């Protein structure tokens, strides 16, 4: 705790010094009668004033939340001695917005009094933050001295990307051998009827189609399509981004990846993640809620790391990038190295879907454009349309995602196209 003199002390001391100086200069006793009591009061107050004693506890309502959720901070102050004036302040990160209350408060407490101060804020952007640093400022009764201290009670809070509910997803072209929700063309154990054939030794009685058998006078069995799952790998571009904090193209891609991961994991698919940036990181495909938490932790730390090095996807282990996996690449297509990596995956026979948030709309929404800037954005739009058309001609499924557009609406064209192909097949 540090102690300093307030701004009020300087005028009072100057007034006393001026009165004493004028009293000596003019020989007027009245000035001494004014200055001496002030001087005695000043020194007696400074000698009697002691440091106030209190205890402070800091609590946060949750340690893990999603973007857009609200958190409540509660600070409890217990005064052991009388506190004439206490000011508390807790700084907040830039991606946090106050929802109710205030992160600065002033109180007066009596000896033994307990006070609870709380406020609520909304987490606007993803990230890992540490709360619990509270700055306290205490004034004594005279107002001439102030005690300043800092209370540290680290409360880490993880803000994960927001998850949007997705009812329809792009169907993978190839499935795996594990049980899932996709109807396989091969016959076996399942729920979807596929064909009827004559009974053969070894067939189960419960597969006998009694209606067809009674009509044809011979035993027939129903064959069912097997139900399989798929491997889905989300490929996140962290080589570059545009847009304001908490609303940049990287934040949009992270939210899309979290939503897709939750939707595919709910369908019993194995989902993995590749962070393609300055540092190549990955999470191997797996199932379950624990896998979703691993993916959220990876998306939480995803950030742009500048590098001149072009990463090689051939270095990724096979268990991270299975040969028959559906690869969903999320990128604003700002760096040609990521475009070459996606083209390489398509050339190696992977089922690649490119989901690209529009960086032009993010740029227009974050800055005030001059006529020259507007012309540059128009030229940029033409170049982007030509780039997307070129990728489409190479056989990639390309989807453009507007920032103000729901993710499910951006996925709709590919969902309907692949569904009709599945029905036709």
Protein backbone atom coordinates (compact mmCIF):
# COMPACT_ATOMS: atom_id res chain seq x y z
CA UNK A 1 0.00 0.00 0.00
CA UNK A 2 1.38 3.40 -0.99
CA UNK A 3 0.46 6.70 0.67
CA UNK A 4 0.52 10.11 -0.95
CA UNK A 5 -0.69 13.62 -0.26
CA UNK A 6 -3.83 14.74 -2.08
CA UNK A 7 -4.26 17.91 -4.07
CA UNK A 8 -6.18 19.47 -1.19
CA UNK A 9 -3.06 19.59 1.00
CA UNK A 10 -1.14 21.93 -1.29
CA UNK A 11 -3.62 24.88 -1.14
CA UNK A 12 -3.98 24.53 2.65
CA UNK A 13 -0.22 24.53 3.22
CA UNK A 14 0.16 27.49 0.84
CA UNK A 15 -2.57 29.38 2.72
CA UNK A 16 -0.87 28.75 6.10
CA UNK A 17 2.53 29.79 4.73
CA UNK A 18 1.07 32.95 3.20
CA UNK A 19 -0.67 33.89 6.46
CA UNK A 20 2.53 33.39 8.49
CA UNK A 21 4.57 35.37 5.97
CA UNK A 22 2.14 38.27 5.94
CA UNK A 23 1.93 38.17 9.74
CA UNK A 24 5.69 38.48 10.08
CA UNK A 25 5.87 41.13 7.37
CA UNK A 26 3.06 43.31 8.68
CA UNK A 27 3.32 42.48 12.38
CA UNK A 28 -0.41 41.72 12.62
CA UNK A 29 -1.25 39.15 15.28
CA UNK A 30 -4.59 38.35 13.67
CA UNK A 31 -2.85 36.51 10.85
CA UNK A 32 -1.01 34.32 13.37
CA UNK A 33 -4.31 33.58 15.09
CA UNK A 34 -5.63 32.32 11.74
CA UNK A 35 -2.56 30.36 10.65
CA UNK A 36 -1.57 28.63 13.91
CA UNK A 37 -4.89 26.76 14.51
CA UNK A 38 -4.85 25.58 10.91
CA UNK A 39 -1.27 24.39 11.31
CA UNK A 40 -2.03 22.59 14.59
CA UNK A 41 -5.13 20.96 13.10
CA UNK A 42 -3.17 19.86 10.06
CA UNK A 43 -0.41 18.20 12.08
CA UNK A 44 -2.76 16.63 14.65
CA UNK A 45 -4.94 15.14 11.90
CA UNK A 46 -1.90 13.76 10.10
CA UNK A 47 -0.58 12.20 13.32
CA UNK A 48 -3.90 10.68 14.42
CA UNK A 49 -4.88 9.29 10.99
CA UNK A 50 -4.07 5.61 10.62
CA UNK A 51 -4.42 3.26 7.72
CA UNK A 52 -7.91 1.74 7.42
CA UNK A 53 -8.09 -2.05 7.67
CA UNK A 54 -10.42 -4.15 5.56
CA UNK A 55 -10.65 -7.43 3.63
CA UNK A 56 -11.72 -7.83 0.02
CA UNK A 57 -12.88 -10.92 -1.88
CA UNK A 58 -13.51 -11.15 -5.63
CA UNK A 59 -15.79 -13.67 -7.38
CA UNK A 60 -16.73 -14.32 -11.04
CA UNK A 61 -19.95 -16.18 -11.85
CA UNK A 62 -18.36 -18.59 -14.40
CA UNK A 63 -14.94 -19.63 -15.65
CA UNK A 64 -15.94 -20.79 -19.16
CA UNK A 65 -18.49 -19.03 -21.34
CA UNK A 66 -19.27 -18.44 -25.01
CA UNK A 67 -19.26 -15.20 -26.96
CA UNK A 68 -22.30 -13.11 -26.14
CA UNK A 69 -22.77 -14.61 -22.67
CA UNK A 70 -22.86 -12.44 -19.57
CA UNK A 71 -20.76 -12.71 -16.45
CA UNK A 72 -21.36 -11.24 -13.02
CA UNK A 73 -18.50 -9.95 -10.87
CA UNK A 74 -19.12 -9.72 -7.13
CA UNK A 75 -16.74 -7.90 -4.77
CA UNK A 76 -17.27 -8.20 -1.01
CA UNK A 77 -15.62 -5.65 1.31
CA UNK A 78 -15.52 -6.15 5.08
CA UNK A 79 -14.30 -3.13 7.08
CA UNK A 80 -12.36 -3.81 10.27
CA UNK A 81 -12.12 -0.09 11.05
CA UNK A 82 -14.07 2.93 9.89
CA UNK A 83 -13.39 3.84 6.27
CA UNK A 84 -14.36 7.44 5.44
CA UNK A 85 -14.14 6.98 1.68
CA UNK A 86 -13.19 3.95 -0.43
CA UNK A 87 -12.96 3.90 -4.23
CA UNK A 88 -12.72 0.58 -6.10
CA UNK A 89 -11.91 0.11 -9.79
CA UNK A 90 -11.41 -3.03 -11.90
CA UNK A 91 -10.07 -2.61 -15.46
CA UNK A 92 -11.77 -4.68 -18.17
CA UNK A 93 -10.41 -6.03 -21.48
CA UNK A 94 -11.29 -4.25 -24.70
CA UNK A 95 -13.49 -7.13 -25.89
CA UNK A 96 -15.74 -6.86 -22.82
CA UNK A 97 -18.72 -4.49 -22.64
CA UNK A 98 -20.57 -3.47 -19.49
CA UNK A 99 -24.15 -4.75 -19.43
CA UNK A 100 -25.31 -3.41 -16.07
CA UNK A 101 -23.70 -1.64 -13.16
CA UNK A 102 -20.26 -0.03 -13.24
CA UNK A 103 -16.72 -1.29 -12.76
CA UNK A 104 -15.94 1.76 -10.58
CA UNK A 105 -17.63 2.44 -7.25
CA UNK A 106 -17.22 4.66 -4.15
CA UNK A 107 -18.32 3.64 -0.64
CA UNK A 108 -18.26 4.73 3.00
CA UNK A 109 -18.12 1.92 5.56
CA UNK A 110 -18.36 1.77 9.31
CA UNK A 111 -16.33 -0.52 11.52
CA UNK A 112 -17.48 -4.13 11.07
CA UNK A 113 -19.72 -3.32 8.12
CA UNK A 114 -19.83 -5.69 5.14
CA UNK A 115 -20.69 -4.47 1.64
CA UNK A 116 -21.30 -6.37 -1.64
CA UNK A 117 -20.68 -4.63 -4.94
CA UNK A 118 -21.50 -6.35 -8.22
CA UNK A 119 -21.76 -5.52 -11.90
CA UNK A 120 -22.42 -7.47 -15.10
CA UNK A 121 -20.57 -7.46 -18.40
CA UNK A 122 -20.99 -9.15 -21.78
CA UNK A 123 -18.18 -11.07 -23.48
CA UNK A 124 -18.10 -9.77 -27.05
CA UNK A 125 -15.01 -11.61 -28.31
CA UNK A 126 -13.22 -14.89 -27.79
CA UNK A 127 -10.05 -15.16 -25.77
CA UNK A 128 -8.60 -16.06 -22.40
CA UNK A 129 -8.74 -13.25 -19.85
CA UNK A 130 -7.76 -12.85 -16.21
CA UNK A 131 -10.05 -10.90 -13.89
CA UNK A 132 -9.60 -10.12 -10.22
CA UNK A 133 -7.24 -7.13 -10.30
CA UNK A 134 -9.00 -4.49 -8.19
CA UNK A 135 -7.43 -1.08 -7.52
CA UNK A 136 -8.43 0.50 -4.19
CA UNK A 137 -8.05 4.11 -3.07
CA UNK A 138 -8.79 5.17 0.54
CA UNK A 139 -9.01 8.75 1.85
CA UNK A 140 -8.53 9.66 5.50
CA UNK A 141 -10.96 11.92 7.40
CA UNK A 142 -9.03 15.09 6.62
CA UNK A 143 -8.93 14.40 2.88
CA UNK A 144 -5.26 15.34 2.86
CA UNK A 145 -3.82 11.86 2.48
CA UNK A 146 -4.83 8.94 0.30
CA UNK A 147 -3.76 5.29 0.45
CA UNK A 148 -3.58 3.33 -2.80
CA UNK A 149 -3.26 -0.41 -3.15
CA UNK A 150 -3.93 -3.23 -5.60
CA UNK A 151 -5.69 -6.50 -4.80
CA UNK A 152 -4.75 -9.51 -6.90
CA UNK A 153 -7.11 -12.49 -7.00
CA UNK A 154 -6.53 -14.04 -10.42
CA UNK A 155 -9.73 -15.46 -11.90
CA UNK A 156 -9.04 -16.87 -15.41
CA UNK A 157 -12.03 -16.84 -17.75
CA UNK A 158 -12.18 -18.60 -21.12
CA UNK A 159 -14.48 -17.07 -23.73
CA UNK A 160 -15.09 -19.63 -26.49
CA UNK A 161 -16.37 -18.86 -30.01
CA UNK A 162 -20.13 -18.67 -30.29
CA UNK A 163 -21.84 -21.83 -31.56
CA UNK A 164 -24.75 -21.49 -34.00
CA UNK A 165 -27.24 -24.35 -34.28
CA UNK A 166 -27.04 -26.07 -37.67
CA UNK A 167 -29.85 -28.38 -38.76
CA UNK A 168 -28.46 -29.29 -42.19
CA UNK A 169 -24.84 -29.97 -43.06
CA UNK A 170 -22.95 -30.85 -46.25
CA UNK A 171 -22.99 -34.62 -46.67
CA UNK A 172 -19.58 -36.31 -46.96
CA UNK A 173 -18.99 -38.23 -50.17
CA UNK A 174 -17.23 -41.10 -48.40
CA UNK A 175 -17.96 -42.65 -45.01
CA UNK A 176 -15.97 -44.71 -42.53
CA UNK A 177 -16.57 -48.15 -41.00
CA UNK A 178 -17.85 -46.97 -37.62
CA UNK A 179 -21.54 -46.66 -36.81
CA UNK A 180 -23.05 -43.26 -37.49
CA UNK A 181 -25.98 -41.42 -39.04
CA UNK A 182 -25.15 -41.70 -42.76
CA UNK A 183 -26.80 -44.34 -44.95
CA UNK A 184 -24.13 -46.39 -46.71
CA UNK A 185 -24.74 -48.07 -50.11
CA UNK A 186 -23.43 -51.37 -48.70
CA UNK A 187 -25.83 -53.79 -47.03
CA UNK A 188 -25.61 -54.98 -43.46
CA UNK A 189 -27.03 -54.10 -40.06
CA UNK A 190 -29.07 -50.92 -40.19
CA UNK A 191 -32.50 -49.31 -40.16
CA UNK A 192 -32.89 -48.13 -43.78
CA UNK A 193 -34.44 -50.85 -46.07
CA UNK A 194 -32.48 -51.35 -49.27
CA UNK A 195 -33.44 -54.50 -51.21
CA UNK A 196 -35.35 -57.80 -51.01
CA UNK A 197 -33.76 -61.17 -51.89
CA UNK A 198 -34.58 -64.86 -51.39
CA UNK A 199 -33.90 -66.38 -48.01
CA UNK A 200 -30.48 -68.06 -47.66
CA UNK A 201 -29.06 -70.24 -44.88
CA UNK A 202 -27.66 -68.05 -42.12
CA UNK A 203 -30.18 -65.21 -42.53
CA UNK A 204 -31.89 -64.04 -39.38
CA UNK A 205 -35.56 -64.70 -38.92
CA UNK A 206 -36.22 -61.09 -37.91
CA UNK A 207 -35.10 -60.00 -41.40
CA UNK A 208 -37.77 -62.10 -43.12
CA UNK A 209 -40.18 -59.97 -45.14
CA UNK A 210 -43.44 -61.80 -44.36
CA UNK A 211 -45.57 -59.70 -46.68
CA UNK A 212 -43.42 -60.51 -49.73
CA UNK A 213 -43.01 -64.14 -48.63
CA UNK A 214 -46.79 -64.71 -48.34
CA UNK A 215 -47.45 -63.06 -51.67
CA UNK A 216 -44.74 -64.95 -53.58
CA UNK A 217 -45.03 -68.25 -51.74
CA UNK A 218 -41.34 -68.34 -50.83
CA UNK A 219 -39.25 -66.89 -48.01
CA UNK A 220 -37.68 -63.51 -48.72
CA UNK A 221 -35.54 -61.30 -46.49
CA UNK A 222 -35.08 -57.55 -46.41
CA UNK A 223 -31.56 -56.16 -46.76
CA UNK A 224 -30.76 -52.96 -44.91
CA UNK A 225 -28.23 -50.25 -45.66
CA UNK A 226 -25.45 -49.91 -43.13
CA UNK A 227 -25.27 -46.67 -41.16
CA UNK A 228 -21.79 -45.22 -41.04
CA UNK A 229 -20.05 -42.12 -39.75
CA UNK A 230 -17.51 -39.83 -41.43
CA UNK A 231 -14.22 -38.11 -40.69
CA UNK A 232 -14.42 -34.32 -40.86
CA UNK A 233 -11.33 -32.11 -40.67
CA UNK A 234 -11.77 -28.35 -40.18
CA UNK A 235 -8.91 -26.36 -41.68
CA UNK A 236 -8.59 -22.84 -40.23
CA UNK A 237 -6.65 -20.12 -42.02
CA UNK A 238 -4.58 -18.04 -39.55
CA UNK A 239 -2.18 -16.54 -42.09
CA UNK A 240 -4.13 -13.27 -42.33
CA UNK A 241 -7.33 -11.54 -41.33
CA UNK A 242 -9.23 -8.29 -41.80
CA UNK A 243 -11.89 -6.52 -39.79
CA UNK A 244 -12.24 -4.97 -36.33
CA UNK A 245 -11.42 -6.85 -33.11
CA UNK A 246 -13.98 -9.51 -32.14
CA UNK A 247 -15.54 -9.19 -35.61
CA UNK A 248 -12.61 -9.99 -37.88
CA UNK A 249 -12.53 -12.69 -40.53
CA UNK A 250 -10.54 -14.93 -38.16
CA UNK A 251 -13.18 -14.57 -35.44
CA UNK A 252 -15.87 -15.36 -38.00
CA UNK A 253 -13.97 -18.46 -39.14
CA UNK A 254 -13.50 -19.58 -35.53
CA UNK A 255 -17.26 -19.29 -34.90
CA UNK A 256 -17.99 -21.23 -38.08
CA UNK A 257 -15.52 -23.95 -37.10
CA UNK A 258 -17.04 -24.27 -33.60
CA UNK A 259 -20.56 -24.51 -35.04
CA UNK A 260 -19.56 -27.12 -37.62
CA UNK A 261 -17.63 -29.12 -35.03
CA UNK A 262 -20.61 -29.28 -32.67
CA UNK A 263 -23.02 -30.20 -35.48
CA UNK A 264 -20.85 -33.01 -36.90
CA UNK A 265 -19.99 -34.38 -33.45
CA UNK A 266 -23.71 -34.52 -32.69
CA UNK A 267 -24.02 -36.82 -35.72
CA UNK A 268 -21.42 -39.21 -34.25
CA UNK A 269 -18.75 -38.12 -36.75
CA UNK A 270 -15.08 -37.84 -35.91
CA UNK A 271 -13.98 -34.21 -36.12
CA UNK A 272 -10.43 -32.82 -36.19
CA UNK A 273 -8.83 -29.41 -36.67
CA UNK A 274 -5.80 -28.05 -38.52
CA UNK A 275 -4.61 -24.55 -37.61
CA UNK A 276 -2.84 -23.53 -40.81
CA UNK A 277 -0.76 -20.45 -40.00
CA UNK A 278 2.64 -19.31 -38.85
CA UNK A 279 2.70 -22.36 -36.58
CA UNK A 280 1.07 -25.52 -37.93
CA UNK A 281 -1.02 -27.07 -35.17
CA UNK A 282 -3.65 -29.78 -35.24
CA UNK A 283 -6.13 -31.80 -33.22
CA UNK A 284 -6.59 -35.35 -34.48
CA UNK A 285 -10.17 -36.47 -35.26
CA UNK A 286 -12.15 -38.03 -32.46
CA UNK A 287 -15.65 -38.36 -31.01
CA UNK A 288 -17.58 -37.06 -28.04
CA UNK A 289 -17.95 -34.01 -25.85
CA UNK A 290 -14.34 -34.16 -24.68
CA UNK A 291 -13.24 -33.78 -28.29
CA UNK A 292 -15.47 -30.72 -28.62
CA UNK A 293 -13.74 -29.16 -25.62
CA UNK A 294 -10.34 -29.88 -27.21
CA UNK A 295 -11.47 -28.18 -30.40
CA UNK A 296 -12.78 -25.17 -28.48
CA UNK A 297 -9.45 -24.80 -26.66
CA UNK A 298 -7.63 -24.91 -30.00
CA UNK A 299 -9.96 -22.31 -31.52
CA UNK A 300 -9.57 -20.16 -28.43
CA UNK A 301 -5.82 -19.79 -29.00
CA UNK A 302 -6.02 -19.45 -32.79
CA UNK A 303 -4.36 -16.22 -33.84
CA UNK A 304 -2.39 -14.80 -36.72
CA UNK A 305 1.37 -15.39 -36.52
CA UNK A 306 3.30 -13.71 -39.31
CA UNK A 307 5.75 -15.86 -41.23
CA UNK A 308 7.27 -16.11 -44.70
CA UNK A 309 7.39 -19.91 -44.52
CA UNK A 310 4.89 -21.92 -46.59
CA UNK A 311 3.61 -24.86 -44.54
CA UNK A 312 3.56 -28.33 -46.10
CA UNK A 313 0.44 -30.39 -45.39
CA UNK A 314 2.33 -33.58 -46.23
CA UNK A 315 3.95 -33.21 -42.80
CA UNK A 316 0.56 -33.66 -41.11
CA UNK A 317 0.24 -37.22 -39.74
CA UNK A 318 -2.18 -39.58 -41.45
CA UNK A 319 -4.26 -39.98 -38.30
CA UNK A 320 -4.92 -36.21 -38.38
CA UNK A 321 -5.83 -36.10 -42.07
CA UNK A 322 -7.48 -39.46 -42.96
CA UNK A 323 -7.53 -40.24 -46.71
CA UNK A 324 -11.37 -40.32 -46.95
CA UNK A 325 -12.00 -37.28 -44.77
CA UNK A 326 -14.25 -34.37 -45.60
CA UNK A 327 -12.05 -31.26 -45.34
CA UNK A 328 -13.86 -27.97 -44.68
CA UNK A 329 -11.46 -25.07 -45.18
CA UNK A 330 -12.40 -21.73 -43.62
CA UNK A 331 -10.49 -18.81 -45.07
CA UNK A 332 -11.00 -15.26 -46.39
CA UNK A 333 -8.49 -16.20 -49.15
CA UNK A 334 -6.13 -13.34 -48.37
CA UNK A 335 -2.92 -15.38 -48.54
CA UNK A 336 -2.02 -17.40 -51.66
CA UNK A 337 -0.22 -20.00 -49.51
CA UNK A 338 -3.52 -21.18 -48.06
CA UNK A 339 -5.08 -21.30 -51.54
CA UNK A 340 -2.22 -23.52 -52.74
CA UNK A 341 -2.69 -25.79 -49.72
CA UNK A 342 -6.41 -26.22 -50.51
CA UNK A 343 -5.64 -26.94 -54.16
CA UNK A 344 -3.08 -29.52 -53.06
CA UNK A 345 -5.67 -31.29 -50.90
CA UNK A 346 -8.13 -31.41 -53.79
CA UNK A 347 -5.43 -32.77 -56.11
CA UNK A 348 -4.69 -35.54 -53.58
CA UNK A 349 -8.30 -36.73 -53.80
CA UNK A 350 -9.75 -35.23 -50.64
CA UNK A 351 -13.36 -34.08 -50.50
CA UNK A 352 -12.72 -30.35 -50.00
CA UNK A 353 -15.32 -27.69 -49.18
CA UNK A 354 -14.09 -24.08 -49.09
CA UNK A 355 -16.12 -21.74 -46.84
CA UNK A 356 -14.88 -18.19 -47.37
CA UNK A 357 -16.07 -15.19 -45.30
CA UNK A 358 -16.17 -12.12 -47.50
CA UNK A 359 -13.27 -9.86 -46.44
CA UNK A 360 -14.56 -6.96 -48.56
CA UNK A 361 -17.74 -6.60 -46.52
CA UNK A 362 -15.71 -6.74 -43.30
CA UNK A 363 -13.43 -4.00 -44.61
CA UNK A 364 -16.33 -1.80 -45.66
CA UNK A 365 -17.98 -2.22 -42.28
CA UNK A 366 -14.91 -1.39 -40.20
CA UNK A 367 -13.65 1.84 -41.83
CA UNK A 368 -15.04 4.93 -43.49
CA UNK A 369 -14.22 4.64 -47.17
CA UNK A 370 -13.15 7.51 -49.36
CA UNK A 371 -14.02 7.49 -53.09
CA UNK A 372 -10.58 6.01 -53.83
CA UNK A 373 -11.05 3.32 -51.17
CA UNK A 374 -14.48 2.51 -52.57
CA UNK A 375 -13.01 2.08 -56.04
CA UNK A 376 -10.31 -0.19 -54.61
CA UNK A 377 -12.97 -2.36 -52.93
CA UNK A 378 -14.84 -2.65 -56.24
CA UNK A 379 -11.68 -3.83 -57.99
CA UNK A 380 -11.05 -6.20 -55.10
CA UNK A 381 -14.55 -7.62 -55.58
CA UNK A 382 -13.85 -8.35 -59.24
CA UNK A 383 -10.57 -10.07 -58.38
CA UNK A 384 -12.27 -12.14 -55.68
CA UNK A 385 -15.05 -13.25 -58.04
CA UNK A 386 -12.44 -14.34 -60.58
CA UNK A 387 -10.54 -16.24 -57.86
CA UNK A 388 -13.65 -18.06 -56.66
CA UNK A 389 -14.61 -18.95 -60.22
CA UNK A 390 -11.12 -20.34 -60.85
CA UNK A 391 -11.34 -22.52 -57.72
CA UNK A 392 -14.78 -23.72 -58.78
CA UNK A 393 -13.46 -24.74 -62.19
CA UNK A 394 -10.79 -26.80 -60.45
CA UNK A 395 -13.53 -28.92 -58.87
CA UNK A 396 -13.67 -27.35 -55.39
CA UNK A 397 -16.98 -26.73 -53.67
CA UNK A 398 -16.77 -23.00 -52.94
CA UNK A 399 -19.20 -21.22 -50.61
CA UNK A 400 -19.11 -17.48 -49.92
CA UNK A 401 -20.20 -16.38 -46.45
CA UNK A 402 -21.44 -12.84 -45.90
CA UNK A 403 -20.72 -11.42 -42.40
CA UNK A 404 -24.40 -10.58 -41.82
CA UNK A 405 -25.55 -13.96 -43.13
CA UNK A 406 -26.30 -17.00 -40.91
CA UNK A 407 -23.90 -19.88 -41.42
CA UNK A 408 -26.70 -22.31 -42.28
CA UNK A 409 -27.81 -20.04 -45.12
CA UNK A 410 -24.26 -19.95 -46.50
CA UNK A 411 -24.10 -23.77 -46.42
CA UNK A 412 -27.56 -24.22 -48.00
CA UNK A 413 -26.48 -24.38 -51.71
CA UNK A 414 -24.01 -27.22 -51.08
CA UNK A 415 -26.39 -29.01 -48.70
CA UNK A 416 -29.17 -29.15 -51.30
CA UNK A 417 -26.80 -30.06 -54.13
CA UNK A 418 -25.23 -32.98 -52.27
CA UNK A 419 -28.58 -34.16 -50.96
CA UNK A 420 -30.02 -34.43 -54.48
CA UNK A 421 -26.93 -36.31 -55.61
CA UNK A 422 -27.34 -38.73 -52.69
CA UNK A 423 -31.00 -39.28 -53.56
CA UNK A 424 -30.17 -39.79 -57.23
CA UNK A 425 -27.45 -42.30 -56.33
